[in-house]
Amino acid sequence: MEEEVQLYLDDAKEKMEKALVHFSNELVKLRAGKANPQMLDGIHVDYYGVSTPLQQVANINTPDAKSIVIQPWEKKIMDMIEKAILAANIGITPINNGDVIRLNLPPLTEERRKQLVKTVKHEGENAKVSIRNARRETIEEFKKMQKDGLPEDSAKNAEEKVEKLVENYYKKVEEILNKKEHEIMTV
């Protein structure tokens, strides 16, 4: 029984870790004033009839903190890349000079910064919901196990361990959230 309890605890920890990783990945896509090639994650180009990630059809560089340069491997897909960026609605208009596509990041307005902070908080809340769901599922399993013969003390101890995991991951989410919020609000 104790091994089974540990398996459920490990599973809960894994789910909470995945929620944290997903949260971090979502925040990377948000523009906080600095150019970051990961802002273009999720943009797909129609490449010979196949939806292909932008990173697989072009080199993406950041020559400075305010711009991103996309150099396609084939010149004939430049228009498709440009259309994909516009369709992704990332708030940046691509500049096509025939050789490369340049994305110049305008400085963030105060209103846009506040909007980004709201988005960050929303993503943080989503991460917390995922963590709570992992907790709920794990505690339900412990209650089932208790009906099947797990001692009440063991079930309570296991629930306390889950609660400590939740607190730990909540702190991590808050740390990441505060760091990103500070990054966004710093002019």
Protein backbone atom coordinates (compact mmCIF):
# COMPACT_ATOMS: atom_id res chain seq x y z
CA MET A 1 0.00 0.00 0.00
CA GLU A 2 2.79 2.45 0.88
CA GLU A 3 4.44 1.93 -2.52
CA GLU A 4 1.14 2.72 -4.19
CA VAL A 5 0.80 5.90 -2.11
CA GLN A 6 4.30 6.94 -3.20
CA LEU A 7 3.40 6.25 -6.83
CA TYR A 8 0.41 8.58 -6.59
CA LEU A 9 2.56 11.23 -4.88
CA ASP A 10 5.15 10.96 -7.65
CA ASP A 11 2.42 11.18 -10.28
CA ALA A 12 0.99 14.31 -8.62
CA LYS A 13 4.45 15.88 -8.49
CA GLU A 14 4.97 15.09 -12.18
CA LYS A 15 1.63 16.69 -13.12
CA MET A 16 2.44 19.79 -11.07
CA GLU A 17 5.87 20.02 -12.68
CA LYS A 18 4.27 19.81 -16.13
CA ALA A 19 1.89 22.64 -15.19
CA LEU A 20 4.87 24.75 -14.10
CA VAL A 21 6.79 24.00 -17.31
CA HIS A 22 3.75 24.83 -19.44
CA PHE A 23 3.30 28.10 -17.53
CA SER A 24 6.95 29.02 -18.11
CA ASN A 25 6.68 28.19 -21.82
CA GLU A 26 3.57 30.33 -22.20
CA LEU A 27 5.29 33.29 -20.54
CA VAL A 28 8.27 33.05 -22.86
CA LYS A 29 5.95 33.73 -25.79
CA LEU A 30 4.84 37.04 -24.25
CA ARG A 31 6.77 40.08 -25.35
CA ALA A 32 8.24 41.93 -22.41
CA GLY A 33 10.15 44.62 -24.28
CA LYS A 34 13.07 42.45 -25.37
CA ALA A 35 13.24 40.53 -28.63
CA ASN A 36 13.11 36.78 -28.09
CA PRO A 37 13.00 34.17 -30.88
CA GLN A 38 10.66 32.06 -28.75
CA MET A 39 7.97 34.71 -29.30
CA LEU A 40 7.56 33.07 -32.71
CA ASP A 41 6.93 29.59 -31.27
CA GLY A 42 3.60 28.34 -32.47
CA ILE A 43 3.78 30.12 -35.83
CA HIS A 44 3.40 27.64 -38.67
CA VAL A 45 4.12 28.23 -42.35
CA ASP A 46 2.37 26.49 -45.23
CA TYR A 47 5.46 24.81 -46.71
CA TYR A 48 4.65 22.75 -49.80
CA GLY A 49 1.15 22.08 -48.48
CA VAL A 50 2.35 21.06 -45.00
CA SER A 51 1.92 23.19 -41.89
CA THR A 52 5.53 23.49 -40.69
CA PRO A 53 6.88 25.35 -37.63
CA LEU A 54 8.68 28.57 -38.61
CA GLN A 55 11.88 27.37 -36.89
CA GLN A 56 12.07 24.48 -39.39
CA VAL A 57 12.07 26.67 -42.52
CA ALA A 58 14.23 29.62 -41.45
CA ASN A 59 17.03 30.85 -39.20
CA ILE A 60 15.78 33.17 -36.48
CA ASN A 61 18.20 35.62 -34.84
CA THR A 62 18.04 38.60 -32.51
CA PRO A 63 20.76 41.04 -33.62
CA ASP A 64 19.73 43.46 -30.86
CA ALA A 65 17.19 43.76 -28.04
CA LYS A 66 14.56 45.41 -30.25
CA SER A 67 14.53 43.30 -33.41
CA ILE A 68 14.26 39.75 -34.73
CA VAL A 69 15.65 38.71 -38.11
CA ILE A 70 14.17 35.73 -39.95
CA GLN A 71 16.24 34.35 -42.80
CA PRO A 72 14.29 31.75 -44.80
CA TRP A 73 16.19 28.82 -46.25
CA GLU A 74 14.31 29.29 -49.54
CA LYS A 75 13.51 32.74 -50.90
CA LYS A 76 10.22 31.59 -52.43
CA ILE A 77 8.64 31.05 -48.98
CA MET A 78 9.27 34.61 -47.74
CA ASP A 79 5.72 35.69 -48.60
CA MET A 80 4.30 32.64 -46.80
CA ILE A 81 6.37 33.43 -43.70
CA GLU A 82 5.21 37.04 -43.80
CA LYS A 83 1.55 35.94 -44.08
CA ALA A 84 1.98 33.45 -41.22
CA ILE A 85 3.42 36.15 -38.94
CA LEU A 86 0.57 38.53 -39.78
CA ALA A 87 -1.99 35.75 -39.24
CA ALA A 88 -0.45 34.88 -35.86
CA ASN A 89 -1.43 38.36 -34.65
CA ILE A 90 1.61 38.86 -32.40
CA GLY A 91 1.32 42.63 -32.70
CA ILE A 92 4.38 43.11 -34.92
CA THR A 93 4.36 43.92 -38.62
CA PRO A 94 7.05 42.07 -40.61
CA ILE A 95 9.37 44.05 -42.90
CA ASN A 96 10.43 42.07 -45.98
CA ASN A 97 13.54 43.41 -47.75
CA GLY A 98 13.87 40.51 -50.20
CA ASP A 99 16.64 38.70 -48.30
CA VAL A 100 15.36 38.60 -44.72
CA ILE A 101 12.25 39.43 -42.77
CA ARG A 102 12.82 41.86 -39.95
CA LEU A 103 10.52 42.30 -36.97
CA ASN A 104 11.08 45.57 -35.11
CA LEU A 105 9.58 45.53 -31.64
CA PRO A 106 8.07 48.88 -30.74
CA PRO A 107 8.44 50.04 -27.15
CA LEU A 108 5.55 48.91 -24.97
CA THR A 109 3.00 51.49 -23.92
CA GLU A 110 1.85 51.66 -20.31
CA GLU A 111 -1.57 50.34 -21.35
CA ARG A 112 0.00 47.39 -23.21
CA ARG A 113 2.22 46.62 -20.21
CA LYS A 114 -0.83 46.45 -17.94
CA GLN A 115 -2.60 44.23 -20.47
CA LEU A 116 0.43 41.90 -20.56
CA VAL A 117 0.49 41.74 -16.75
CA LYS A 118 -3.17 40.67 -16.81
CA THR A 119 -2.31 37.97 -19.33
CA VAL A 120 0.58 36.79 -17.15
CA LYS A 121 -1.70 36.61 -14.10
CA HIS A 122 -4.29 34.70 -16.12
CA GLU A 123 -1.64 32.17 -17.19
CA GLY A 124 -0.52 31.91 -13.56
CA GLU A 125 -4.07 31.18 -12.48
CA ASN A 126 -4.32 28.47 -15.17
CA ALA A 127 -1.14 26.88 -13.78
CA LYS A 128 -2.58 26.98 -10.27
CA VAL A 129 -5.81 25.35 -11.51
CA SER A 130 -3.76 22.52 -13.04
CA ILE A 131 -1.90 22.10 -9.75
CA ARG A 132 -5.18 22.01 -7.80
CA ASN A 133 -6.58 19.43 -10.24
CA ALA A 134 -3.55 17.22 -9.66
CA ARG A 135 -4.09 17.57 -5.89
CA ARG A 136 -7.79 16.73 -6.16
CA GLU A 137 -7.18 13.65 -8.30
CA THR A 138 -4.46 12.39 -5.95
CA ILE A 139 -6.54 12.92 -2.81
CA GLU A 140 -9.46 11.10 -4.45
CA GLU A 141 -7.14 8.16 -5.08
CA PHE A 142 -6.06 8.18 -1.44
CA LYS A 143 -9.71 8.10 -0.34
CA LYS A 144 -10.37 5.13 -2.62
CA MET A 145 -7.30 3.41 -1.19
CA GLN A 146 -8.54 4.12 2.33
CA LYS A 147 -11.82 2.34 1.50
CA ASP A 148 -9.72 -0.55 0.20
CA GLY A 149 -7.80 -0.89 3.45
CA LEU A 150 -5.22 1.92 3.64
CA PRO A 151 -4.91 3.02 7.28
CA GLU A 152 -6.44 6.42 8.02
CA ASP A 153 -3.14 7.76 9.40
CA SER A 154 -1.33 6.84 6.19
CA ALA A 155 -4.03 8.51 4.11
CA LYS A 156 -3.82 11.70 6.22
CA ASN A 157 -0.02 11.72 5.98
CA ALA A 158 -0.23 11.28 2.22
CA GLU A 159 -2.73 14.15 1.95
CA GLU A 160 -0.39 16.37 3.98
CA LYS A 161 2.44 15.53 1.59
CA VAL A 162 0.24 16.50 -1.35
CA GLU A 163 -0.63 19.79 0.36
CA LYS A 164 3.08 20.51 0.86
CA LEU A 165 3.67 19.80 -2.83
CA VAL A 166 0.86 22.19 -3.74
CA GLU A 167 2.30 24.93 -1.50
CA ASN A 168 5.75 24.41 -3.02
CA TYR A 169 4.47 24.65 -6.60
CA TYR A 170 2.27 27.64 -5.77
CA LYS A 171 5.39 29.43 -4.50
CA LYS A 172 7.22 28.57 -7.72
CA VAL A 173 4.34 29.88 -9.83
CA GLU A 174 4.27 33.11 -7.78
CA GLU A 175 8.04 33.56 -8.14
CA ILE A 176 7.87 33.15 -11.92
CA LEU A 177 4.80 35.40 -12.09
CA ASN A 178 6.42 38.18 -10.04
CA LYS A 179 9.64 37.99 -12.04
CA LYS A 180 7.78 38.26 -15.35
CA GLU A 181 5.56 41.07 -14.03
CA HIS A 182 8.65 43.02 -12.93
CA GLU A 183 10.26 42.39 -16.34
CA ILE A 184 7.17 43.70 -18.15
CA MET A 185 6.71 46.79 -15.98
CA THR A 186 10.40 47.81 -16.11
CA VAL A 187 10.76 50.48 -18.74
